[in-house]
Amino acid sequence: MSTSKRTQAVRHWRIPRWLRFTAAIVPLVWIFSRIEPRELIEASGRVAWWTVPTVLCIALSVMVLQGVRWWLLMFAFMPELPLKSTLTVHFKALFYSLALPSSAAQDVVRAAVLARQADYSIVWGATWVARLLGLLVLVLLSLMGLTQLDTQVAPAHIHLVISGTIILIAVLLVFSFSKKVTKRLRPAFQRILPYKITRIVEEIRQAIYVYIHKLPTLLGVLVITLAMQLLLILNATLLIMGITGEFLFEIVLSFIPLIEILCLSLPLTPNGIGVREALLALMFNQVGLSEEQLGLYVVIGFLVSALKVVGGVPILWESVTARNTDKNG
């Protein structure tokens, strides 16, 4: 197959925009069409006063930890890279990800911006390792939750989903850190994909493989990832508690990691909008919470997602600074 035909084939498999739009809108329409506005307003009056400030503060802390984790991965190869500039790039990416049509947009923007300052293979390698470790931690936390959960509350066939995810992670780990396996499969990929893509993938894979010799870095990243995911689970638990008055940590520990795994695996919409809400509806129905409570959870969840606009602050600051410099010049 020629390079041009292979490139066209890769483009042909892009997810259509109409499908992304449908995946984002339909679940939200379905959720709110089942809720009476009057009942939603009444339920909002019963939300604890501390709920919104608390979940916003925790969400902001998680955003900072995401940037620190990413910096730590790249610092292993670029010790001259300052934490401040890395966090600035990270928050810019958070801001741009609000509008881009994929839950992976944050990684793409962040890597694209920092690749101007550093080797793109290191940047993308760090991004992949962060995603992989995040997936591993989510599965482990979900397994912990399922061991504590009543079998009547746990969704049907959930153990099959967990088993499939574990197998997927094992395969990804082998492909990421084993040269023997990828060496045997390389000729097949070279026949399917364009040369430019295979060359880039090979350079990124090499950057990932080098992390085998950076075990202290991987351990530090694993600890930060665990802290991030526990904070996200605590955030969801406190949000449900503020809405319902019930502390459902074990249930949240079982469901929320699975929801995040599926959102990571299906990068259809910006920040997983629609996909995440559809899965949350299943969780609320499974544990017997009301539709009004689900609606409030979704609305406050949108406020948390909107917190990413703080990434516009460094963008605005740089714009104002550049304009003043031009005037003075």
Protein backbone atom coordinates (compact mmCIF):
# COMPACT_ATOMS: atom_id res chain seq x y z
CA MET A 1 0.00 0.00 0.00
CA SER A 2 1.40 3.43 -0.93
CA THR A 3 2.06 6.11 1.67
CA SER A 4 -0.72 8.37 0.34
CA LYS A 5 -3.29 5.56 0.44
CA ARG A 6 -2.26 4.56 3.95
CA THR A 7 -2.58 8.18 5.09
CA GLN A 8 -6.05 8.40 3.55
CA ALA A 9 -7.02 5.16 5.29
CA VAL A 10 -5.94 6.56 8.67
CA ARG A 11 -7.95 9.74 8.07
CA HIS A 12 -10.95 7.68 6.99
CA TRP A 13 -11.18 6.16 10.48
CA ARG A 14 -11.58 9.50 12.25
CA ILE A 15 -14.76 9.68 14.34
CA PRO A 16 -17.41 11.79 12.53
CA ARG A 17 -18.35 15.09 14.15
CA TRP A 18 -22.04 14.22 14.15
CA LEU A 19 -21.28 11.16 16.26
CA ARG A 20 -19.28 13.23 18.76
CA PHE A 21 -22.12 15.77 18.95
CA THR A 22 -24.71 13.03 19.44
CA ALA A 23 -22.66 11.34 22.17
CA ALA A 24 -22.39 14.66 24.03
CA ILE A 25 -25.97 15.91 23.70
CA VAL A 26 -28.31 12.90 23.73
CA PRO A 27 -27.50 11.66 27.28
CA LEU A 28 -27.94 15.17 28.70
CA VAL A 29 -31.27 15.66 26.92
CA TRP A 30 -32.43 12.26 28.18
CA ILE A 31 -31.44 13.01 31.79
CA PHE A 32 -33.01 16.47 32.05
CA SER A 33 -36.14 15.58 30.06
CA ARG A 34 -37.06 13.23 32.92
CA ILE A 35 -36.77 15.93 35.59
CA GLU A 36 -39.41 18.49 36.50
CA PRO A 37 -37.80 21.96 36.77
CA ARG A 38 -39.77 22.71 39.95
CA GLU A 39 -38.53 19.54 41.65
CA LEU A 40 -34.95 20.27 40.57
CA ILE A 41 -35.16 23.76 42.11
CA GLU A 42 -36.60 22.34 45.34
CA ALA A 43 -33.83 19.72 45.51
CA SER A 44 -31.17 22.40 44.95
CA GLY A 45 -32.42 24.19 48.07
CA ARG A 46 -31.53 21.11 50.13
CA VAL A 47 -27.88 21.01 48.96
CA ALA A 48 -25.44 21.63 51.83
CA TRP A 49 -23.84 25.09 51.71
CA TRP A 50 -20.28 23.72 51.74
CA THR A 51 -20.74 21.43 48.74
CA VAL A 52 -19.78 23.67 45.81
CA PRO A 53 -16.79 25.45 47.45
CA THR A 54 -15.38 22.12 48.67
CA VAL A 55 -15.61 20.26 45.37
CA LEU A 56 -14.15 23.24 43.47
CA CYS A 57 -11.16 23.46 45.83
CA ILE A 58 -10.47 19.73 45.56
CA ALA A 59 -10.83 19.84 41.76
CA LEU A 60 -8.31 22.70 41.57
CA SER A 61 -5.88 20.71 43.73
CA VAL A 62 -6.19 17.76 41.34
CA MET A 63 -5.43 20.03 38.37
CA VAL A 64 -2.23 21.20 40.05
CA LEU A 65 -1.21 17.61 40.83
CA GLN A 66 -1.77 16.66 37.18
CA GLY A 67 0.73 19.32 36.14
CA VAL A 68 3.25 18.26 38.81
CA ARG A 69 2.98 14.63 37.70
CA TRP A 70 3.60 15.57 34.09
CA TRP A 71 6.58 17.76 35.04
CA LEU A 72 8.09 14.96 37.15
CA LEU A 73 7.96 12.57 34.19
CA MET A 74 9.80 15.00 31.92
CA PHE A 75 12.17 16.24 34.61
CA ALA A 76 13.82 12.81 34.55
CA PHE A 77 15.17 13.64 31.07
CA MET A 78 15.08 17.45 31.12
CA PRO A 79 16.29 18.61 34.56
CA GLU A 80 16.48 22.17 33.25
CA LEU A 81 12.70 22.26 32.74
CA PRO A 82 11.18 24.60 35.38
CA LEU A 83 8.04 23.55 37.24
CA LYS A 84 6.44 26.97 36.82
CA SER A 85 6.53 26.97 33.02
CA THR A 86 5.31 23.36 32.92
CA LEU A 87 2.32 24.22 35.12
CA THR A 88 1.61 27.23 32.91
CA VAL A 89 1.51 25.02 29.82
CA HIS A 90 -0.62 22.50 31.69
CA PHE A 91 -3.26 25.08 32.65
CA LYS A 92 -3.30 26.48 29.12
CA ALA A 93 -4.05 22.97 27.87
CA LEU A 94 -6.87 22.66 30.41
CA PHE A 95 -8.39 25.85 29.05
CA TYR A 96 -8.17 24.82 25.40
CA SER A 97 -9.52 21.35 26.16
CA LEU A 98 -12.89 22.89 27.02
CA ALA A 99 -13.59 23.47 23.34
CA LEU A 100 -11.68 20.74 21.52
CA PRO A 101 -13.71 17.68 20.40
CA SER A 102 -12.06 14.95 22.44
CA SER A 103 -11.44 13.97 26.05
CA ALA A 104 -7.78 13.51 25.04
CA ALA A 105 -7.55 17.13 23.80
CA GLN A 106 -5.81 18.23 27.01
CA ASP A 107 -2.93 15.81 26.37
CA VAL A 108 -2.68 16.82 22.71
CA VAL A 109 -2.55 20.58 23.38
CA ARG A 110 -0.17 20.24 26.32
CA ALA A 111 2.23 18.06 24.35
CA ALA A 112 2.03 20.25 21.24
CA VAL A 113 2.83 23.44 23.17
CA LEU A 114 5.74 22.02 25.19
CA ALA A 115 7.16 20.18 22.19
CA ARG A 116 8.38 23.60 21.01
CA GLN A 117 10.74 23.67 23.98
CA ALA A 118 11.64 19.99 24.25
CA ASP A 119 11.97 16.78 22.26
CA TYR A 120 8.44 15.81 21.23
CA SER A 121 9.16 12.11 21.79
CA ILE A 122 9.90 12.79 25.48
CA VAL A 123 6.76 14.92 25.81
CA TRP A 124 4.52 12.31 24.21
CA GLY A 125 6.28 9.51 26.05
CA ALA A 126 5.55 11.24 29.37
CA THR A 127 1.94 11.72 28.31
CA TRP A 128 1.53 8.03 27.49
CA VAL A 129 3.16 6.84 30.74
CA ALA A 130 0.92 9.19 32.76
CA ARG A 131 -2.17 7.81 31.03
CA LEU A 132 -1.07 4.21 31.49
CA LEU A 133 -0.30 4.59 35.20
CA GLY A 134 -3.57 6.46 35.66
CA LEU A 135 -5.46 3.58 34.10
CA LEU A 136 -3.64 1.09 36.34
CA VAL A 137 -4.49 3.03 39.51
CA LEU A 138 -8.15 3.37 38.48
CA VAL A 139 -8.48 -0.39 38.03
CA LEU A 140 -6.84 -1.13 41.39
CA LEU A 141 -9.10 1.34 43.20
CA SER A 142 -12.18 -0.06 41.52
CA LEU A 143 -11.19 -3.58 42.57
CA MET A 144 -10.81 -2.35 46.16
CA GLY A 145 -14.29 -0.87 46.03
CA LEU A 146 -15.88 -3.98 44.55
CA THR A 147 -14.49 -6.16 47.34
CA GLN A 148 -16.36 -3.98 49.86
CA LEU A 149 -19.57 -3.62 47.84
CA ASP A 150 -22.78 -5.59 48.31
CA THR A 151 -23.28 -7.99 45.39
CA GLN A 152 -26.83 -6.66 44.95
CA VAL A 153 -25.54 -3.14 44.35
CA ALA A 154 -22.69 -4.09 42.01
CA PRO A 155 -23.71 -3.95 38.33
CA ALA A 156 -24.10 -7.20 36.42
CA HIS A 157 -21.02 -8.63 34.69
CA ILE A 158 -18.83 -5.94 36.28
CA HIS A 159 -16.10 -8.49 36.99
CA LEU A 160 -15.90 -9.23 33.26
CA VAL A 161 -15.36 -5.53 32.57
CA ILE A 162 -12.62 -5.36 35.21
CA SER A 163 -10.96 -8.53 33.89
CA GLY A 164 -11.00 -7.18 30.35
CA THR A 165 -9.47 -3.89 31.51
CA ILE A 166 -6.71 -5.70 33.41
CA ILE A 167 -5.88 -7.72 30.30
CA LEU A 168 -5.82 -4.52 28.24
CA ILE A 169 -3.45 -2.84 30.71
CA ALA A 170 -1.18 -5.89 30.69
CA VAL A 171 -1.04 -5.78 26.89
CA LEU A 172 -0.31 -2.03 26.90
CA LEU A 173 2.45 -2.50 29.48
CA VAL A 174 4.06 -5.22 27.37
CA PHE A 175 3.83 -3.12 24.21
CA SER A 176 5.19 -0.06 26.02
CA PHE A 177 8.15 -1.61 27.84
CA SER A 178 9.12 -4.71 25.83
CA LYS A 179 11.33 -4.24 22.78
CA LYS A 180 11.17 -7.92 21.84
CA VAL A 181 7.40 -7.86 21.27
CA THR A 182 7.30 -4.59 19.35
CA LYS A 183 10.28 -5.62 17.22
CA ARG A 184 8.34 -8.62 15.91
CA LEU A 185 5.21 -6.57 15.19
CA ARG A 186 6.97 -3.59 13.63
CA PRO A 187 6.97 -4.94 10.04
CA ALA A 188 3.18 -5.42 10.15
CA PHE A 189 2.61 -1.85 11.34
CA GLN A 190 4.99 -0.50 8.70
CA ARG A 191 2.89 -2.13 5.99
CA ILE A 192 -0.31 -0.56 7.33
CA LEU A 193 0.71 2.91 8.52
CA PRO A 194 2.54 5.71 6.67
CA TYR A 195 6.29 5.91 7.22
CA LYS A 196 6.05 9.30 8.94
CA ILE A 197 3.60 7.97 11.53
CA THR A 198 5.58 4.77 12.19
CA ARG A 199 8.77 6.80 12.64
CA ILE A 200 7.10 9.12 15.17
CA VAL A 201 5.54 6.18 17.04
CA GLU A 202 8.93 4.44 17.17
CA GLU A 203 10.61 7.52 18.66
CA ILE A 204 7.85 7.89 21.26
CA ARG A 205 8.05 4.18 22.10
CA GLN A 206 11.79 4.54 22.62
CA ALA A 207 11.16 7.44 25.03
CA ILE A 208 8.63 5.30 26.93
CA TYR A 209 11.01 2.35 27.13
CA VAL A 210 13.72 4.49 28.74
CA TYR A 211 11.45 4.96 31.79
CA ILE A 212 12.31 1.38 32.79
CA HIS A 213 15.61 2.84 34.04
CA LYS A 214 13.82 5.65 35.91
CA LEU A 215 12.10 3.62 38.63
CA PRO A 216 12.23 6.39 41.31
CA THR A 217 10.46 8.69 38.86
CA LEU A 218 7.81 6.08 38.08
CA LEU A 219 7.29 5.45 41.80
CA GLY A 220 6.85 9.17 42.47
CA VAL A 221 4.42 9.48 39.56
CA LEU A 222 2.49 6.46 40.83
CA VAL A 223 2.13 8.06 44.29
CA ILE A 224 0.93 11.35 42.78
CA THR A 225 -1.51 9.49 40.52
CA LEU A 226 -2.90 7.58 43.49
CA ALA A 227 -3.34 10.83 45.43
CA MET A 228 -5.11 12.42 42.45
CA GLN A 229 -7.55 9.56 41.98
CA LEU A 230 -8.32 9.34 45.71
CA LEU A 231 -9.05 13.08 45.71
CA LEU A 232 -11.39 12.66 42.72
CA ILE A 233 -13.20 9.82 44.50
CA LEU A 234 -13.42 11.89 47.68
CA ASN A 235 -14.76 14.79 45.61
CA ALA A 236 -17.53 12.66 44.11
CA THR A 237 -18.34 11.24 47.56
CA LEU A 238 -18.62 14.70 49.13
CA LEU A 239 -20.68 15.96 46.20
CA ILE A 240 -23.19 13.12 46.62
CA MET A 241 -23.15 13.68 50.39
CA GLY A 242 -23.88 17.38 49.94
CA ILE A 243 -26.82 16.56 47.66
CA THR A 244 -28.29 13.50 49.40
CA GLY A 245 -26.91 13.61 52.95
CA GLU A 246 -25.51 10.07 52.50
CA PHE A 247 -21.84 9.10 52.69
CA LEU A 248 -21.45 6.51 49.90
CA PHE A 249 -17.66 6.17 49.72
CA GLU A 250 -17.61 2.42 48.96
CA ILE A 251 -20.11 2.79 46.12
CA VAL A 252 -18.24 5.76 44.65
CA LEU A 253 -14.94 3.87 44.98
CA SER A 254 -16.43 1.07 42.87
CA PHE A 255 -18.19 3.11 40.20
CA ILE A 256 -16.25 6.35 39.60
CA PRO A 257 -12.94 4.68 38.58
CA LEU A 258 -14.86 2.50 36.10
CA ILE A 259 -16.59 5.56 34.68
CA GLU A 260 -13.25 7.33 34.27
CA ILE A 261 -11.75 4.24 32.62
CA LEU A 262 -14.53 4.19 30.03
CA CYS A 263 -14.23 7.94 29.43
CA LEU A 264 -10.49 7.54 28.89
CA SER A 265 -11.08 4.59 26.56
CA LEU A 266 -13.76 6.43 24.54
CA PRO A 267 -12.31 9.89 23.75
CA LEU A 268 -15.45 10.96 21.85
CA THR A 269 -16.39 14.30 23.39
CA PRO A 270 -14.75 17.30 25.11
CA ASN A 271 -13.91 16.25 28.68
CA GLY A 272 -16.10 13.17 28.23
CA ILE A 273 -19.31 15.26 28.27
CA GLY A 274 -22.35 13.09 27.70
CA VAL A 275 -20.49 9.80 28.03
CA ARG A 276 -19.69 10.46 31.70
CA GLU A 277 -23.26 11.63 32.44
CA ALA A 278 -24.78 8.53 30.83
CA LEU A 279 -22.61 6.30 33.02
CA LEU A 280 -23.42 8.39 36.10
CA ALA A 281 -27.13 7.85 35.38
CA LEU A 282 -26.52 4.11 35.53
CA MET A 283 -24.71 4.49 38.86
CA PHE A 284 -27.45 6.63 40.41
CA ASN A 285 -30.11 4.20 39.22
CA GLN A 286 -28.13 1.23 40.57
CA VAL A 287 -27.91 2.68 44.10
CA GLY A 288 -31.47 4.05 44.16
CA LEU A 289 -30.83 7.81 44.03
CA SER A 290 -33.43 10.10 42.45
CA GLU A 291 -33.36 11.74 39.02
CA GLU A 292 -33.37 15.19 40.63
CA GLN A 293 -30.26 14.28 42.62
CA LEU A 294 -28.61 13.07 39.41
CA GLY A 295 -29.51 16.36 37.72
CA LEU A 296 -27.91 18.34 40.55
CA TYR A 297 -24.79 16.17 40.41
CA VAL A 298 -24.50 16.83 36.67
CA VAL A 299 -25.04 20.60 37.04
CA ILE A 300 -22.43 20.94 39.79
CA GLY A 301 -20.15 18.66 37.77
CA PHE A 302 -20.36 21.18 34.93
CA LEU A 303 -19.20 23.88 37.36
CA VAL A 304 -16.19 21.73 38.20
CA SER A 305 -15.41 21.26 34.49
CA ALA A 306 -15.82 25.00 33.93
CA LEU A 307 -13.08 25.54 36.53
CA LYS A 308 -10.67 24.84 33.69
CA VAL A 309 -11.22 28.42 32.56
CA VAL A 310 -8.54 29.33 35.12
CA GLY A 311 -6.16 28.17 32.40
CA GLY A 312 -7.14 31.31 30.52
CA VAL A 313 -5.38 33.45 33.14
CA PRO A 314 -1.80 32.75 31.93
CA ILE A 315 -2.99 33.15 28.33
CA LEU A 316 -4.53 36.55 29.12
CA TRP A 317 -1.47 37.58 31.16
CA GLU A 318 0.92 36.75 28.32
CA SER A 319 -1.29 38.62 25.86
CA VAL A 320 -1.38 41.75 28.03
CA THR A 321 2.38 41.55 28.70
CA ALA A 322 3.16 41.19 24.99
CA ARG A 323 0.92 44.15 24.15
CA ASN A 324 2.60 46.37 26.75
CA THR A 325 6.02 45.30 25.47
CA ASP A 326 5.05 46.27 21.92
CA LYS A 327 3.83 49.67 23.11
CA ASN A 328 7.00 50.35 25.10
CA GLY A 329 9.13 49.14 22.20
